[in-house]
Amino acid sequence: MDKIDRLIMRALPKVRIVERLRKDNPYMGKSCSELLELLSGENYQAPEMKTQEWDKFMYAIVHSSGEGGLTE
């Protein structure tokens, strides 16, 4: 096994995690402001933390596009 094969083997689990977060993610396609609104106090509708659904939610926030997105 050469160096490239070893690098590919190390990268595969990370690729699978990203695929899992993208697949059937109900939060993708929403703007960042819409997703952040789900986190607001009285109207809290975001999933519970430390769950797969939370991971999908956070992935969508980080990768949201359009107006109201996260900026530096």
Protein backbone atom coordinates (compact mmCIF):
# COMPACT_ATOMS: atom_id res chain seq x y z
CA MET A 1 0.00 0.00 0.00
CA ASP A 2 1.49 3.30 -1.02
CA LYS A 3 1.12 6.68 0.63
CA ILE A 4 -1.85 7.77 -1.49
CA ASP A 5 -3.79 4.62 -0.59
CA ARG A 6 -3.15 5.24 3.11
CA LEU A 7 -4.37 8.84 2.79
CA ILE A 8 -7.54 7.69 1.03
CA MET A 9 -8.20 5.10 3.74
CA ARG A 10 -7.83 7.79 6.43
CA ALA A 11 -10.17 10.20 4.61
CA LEU A 12 -13.03 7.76 3.96
CA PRO A 13 -14.64 7.90 7.43
CA LYS A 14 -14.79 11.71 7.25
CA VAL A 15 -16.38 11.56 3.80
CA ARG A 16 -19.01 9.15 5.10
CA ILE A 17 -19.84 11.50 7.98
CA VAL A 18 -20.42 14.39 5.58
CA GLU A 19 -22.61 12.20 3.35
CA ARG A 20 -24.67 11.19 6.40
CA LEU A 21 -25.12 14.84 7.39
CA ARG A 22 -26.24 15.86 3.90
CA LYS A 23 -28.54 12.90 3.25
CA ASP A 24 -32.19 13.52 4.14
CA ASN A 25 -31.33 16.72 6.02
CA PRO A 26 -34.59 18.64 6.49
CA TYR A 27 -32.69 21.80 7.41
CA MET A 28 -30.70 22.12 4.18
CA GLY A 29 -32.03 24.76 1.83
CA LYS A 30 -33.13 27.08 4.62
CA SER A 31 -31.33 30.36 5.18
CA CYS A 32 -29.10 30.88 8.16
CA SER A 33 -31.53 33.39 9.63
CA GLU A 34 -34.39 30.86 9.42
CA LEU A 35 -32.28 28.26 11.19
CA LEU A 36 -31.13 30.68 13.86
CA GLU A 37 -34.75 31.65 14.45
CA LEU A 38 -35.39 28.02 15.49
CA LEU A 39 -32.88 28.57 18.30
CA SER A 40 -34.58 31.67 19.70
CA GLY A 41 -35.86 31.50 23.30
CA GLU A 42 -39.65 31.22 23.36
CA ASN A 43 -39.89 29.64 19.91
CA TYR A 44 -37.12 27.07 20.43
CA GLN A 45 -37.74 24.33 17.86
CA ALA A 46 -34.23 23.05 17.22
CA PRO A 47 -33.44 19.39 17.92
CA GLU A 48 -31.87 18.28 21.19
CA MET A 49 -28.12 18.67 21.46
CA LYS A 50 -25.73 15.74 21.08
CA THR A 51 -28.02 13.85 18.71
CA GLN A 52 -27.68 13.02 15.02
CA GLU A 53 -30.50 15.44 14.30
CA TRP A 54 -28.55 18.21 16.09
CA ASP A 55 -25.50 17.39 13.97
CA LYS A 56 -27.62 17.79 10.82
CA PHE A 57 -29.00 21.07 12.14
CA MET A 58 -25.55 22.48 12.86
CA TYR A 59 -24.23 21.26 9.50
CA ALA A 60 -27.06 23.14 7.79
CA ILE A 61 -26.31 26.33 9.73
CA VAL A 62 -22.64 26.24 8.83
CA HIS A 63 -23.34 25.45 5.17
CA SER A 64 -26.40 27.67 4.74
CA SER A 65 -26.40 30.03 1.83
CA GLY A 66 -28.15 33.21 0.96
CA GLU A 67 -28.88 36.24 3.05
CA GLY A 68 -28.38 36.11 6.75
CA GLY A 69 -25.53 33.62 6.53
CA LEU A 70 -22.69 33.39 8.98
CA THR A 71 -19.98 35.98 8.36
CA GLU A 72 -16.56 36.51 9.83
